[in-house]
Amino acid sequence: MGSIEDHAEATESDFLIYTGNFCGYCSALKRYLPSKGLTYVEYNMDDFPGLRDEVVRATRHRTVPVVFDLRSGEVVFVGGFDETRAMLG
């Protein structure tokens, strides 16, 4: 499946997001980012066994979505939907 860094390097999107099935905040995020003219690549953690554990280990963030800002060329952990919305205004 690869690491978070591998996922970030494999995309030219503005954001890397990890989501889950039946997640209202994930759906809201996937509407919000494009409304701001921003792109994202999504990995649904329910589709990849072990990915949730890897993301939690790396971030200590246990809920979805898990958002990384890639716009600076660095992989910057943002948090979830609320933190992303606060950051982008």
Protein backbone atom coordinates (compact mmCIF):
# COMPACT_ATOMS: atom_id res chain seq x y z
CA MET A 1 0.00 0.00 0.00
CA GLY A 2 2.86 2.40 0.66
CA SER A 3 3.47 5.04 3.28
CA ILE A 4 1.98 8.50 3.65
CA GLU A 5 5.11 9.91 2.02
CA ASP A 6 4.72 7.48 -0.89
CA HIS A 7 1.11 8.57 -1.34
CA ALA A 8 2.12 12.24 -1.25
CA GLU A 9 4.91 11.74 -3.79
CA ALA A 10 2.58 9.88 -6.15
CA THR A 11 0.30 12.88 -6.64
CA GLU A 12 0.45 16.44 -7.84
CA SER A 13 -2.71 17.33 -5.92
CA ASP A 14 -2.95 20.09 -3.34
CA PHE A 15 -4.11 17.76 -0.57
CA LEU A 16 -3.81 14.12 0.44
CA ILE A 17 -6.85 12.88 2.34
CA TYR A 18 -7.62 9.63 4.10
CA THR A 19 -11.31 8.88 4.41
CA GLY A 20 -13.72 6.19 5.56
CA ASN A 21 -17.04 4.83 4.40
CA PHE A 22 -20.21 6.50 5.72
CA CYS A 23 -18.30 9.56 6.95
CA GLY A 24 -20.23 12.81 6.74
CA TYR A 25 -17.14 14.93 7.40
CA CYS A 26 -15.30 13.10 4.59
CA SER A 27 -18.12 13.90 2.17
CA ALA A 28 -18.14 17.52 3.31
CA LEU A 29 -14.37 17.78 2.81
CA LYS A 30 -14.62 16.33 -0.70
CA ARG A 31 -17.11 19.08 -1.56
CA TYR A 32 -15.26 21.84 0.30
CA LEU A 33 -11.80 21.48 -1.25
CA PRO A 34 -13.00 21.81 -4.87
CA SER A 35 -15.20 24.76 -3.84
CA LYS A 36 -11.94 26.50 -2.89
CA GLY A 37 -10.34 25.55 -6.23
CA LEU A 38 -8.17 22.90 -4.58
CA THR A 39 -7.45 19.35 -5.68
CA TYR A 40 -7.03 16.23 -3.61
CA VAL A 41 -6.14 12.58 -3.84
CA GLU A 42 -8.15 10.25 -1.63
CA TYR A 43 -7.36 6.95 0.02
CA ASN A 44 -10.35 5.28 1.65
CA MET A 45 -8.98 3.46 4.69
CA ASP A 46 -11.80 0.92 4.55
CA ASP A 47 -10.42 -0.31 1.23
CA PHE A 48 -6.83 -0.90 2.40
CA PRO A 49 -6.23 -3.25 5.35
CA GLY A 50 -3.67 -1.84 7.78
CA LEU A 51 -3.77 1.70 6.39
CA ARG A 52 -5.77 3.08 9.32
CA ASP A 53 -3.17 1.78 11.80
CA GLU A 54 -0.35 3.33 9.78
CA VAL A 55 -2.06 6.73 9.59
CA VAL A 56 -2.94 6.71 13.30
CA ARG A 57 0.67 5.80 14.18
CA ALA A 58 2.00 8.65 12.06
CA THR A 59 -0.49 11.32 13.17
CA ARG A 60 -2.17 10.15 16.41
CA HIS A 61 -5.37 11.29 14.67
CA ARG A 62 -7.97 8.53 15.13
CA THR A 63 -10.93 9.91 13.23
CA VAL A 64 -11.51 10.54 9.54
CA PRO A 65 -10.89 12.47 7.46
CA VAL A 66 -7.15 12.82 7.93
CA VAL A 67 -5.79 15.70 5.87
CA PHE A 68 -2.30 16.55 4.63
CA ASP A 69 -1.48 19.81 2.83
CA LEU A 70 0.97 19.20 -0.05
CA ARG A 71 0.97 22.69 -1.57
CA SER A 72 4.38 23.72 -0.21
CA GLY A 73 6.10 20.62 -1.52
CA GLU A 74 6.23 19.30 2.04
CA VAL A 75 3.82 16.80 3.59
CA VAL A 76 2.10 18.88 6.30
CA PHE A 77 -0.43 17.21 8.60
CA VAL A 78 -3.46 19.49 9.01
CA GLY A 79 -5.93 17.39 11.03
CA GLY A 80 -9.53 16.75 10.10
CA PHE A 81 -12.33 18.66 8.40
CA ASP A 82 -12.65 21.40 11.03
CA GLU A 83 -8.91 22.11 11.06
CA THR A 84 -8.80 22.20 7.25
CA ARG A 85 -11.73 24.60 7.04
CA ALA A 86 -10.19 26.85 9.71
CA MET A 87 -6.85 26.87 7.88
CA LEU A 88 -8.36 27.72 4.49
CA GLY A 89 -10.94 30.17 5.80
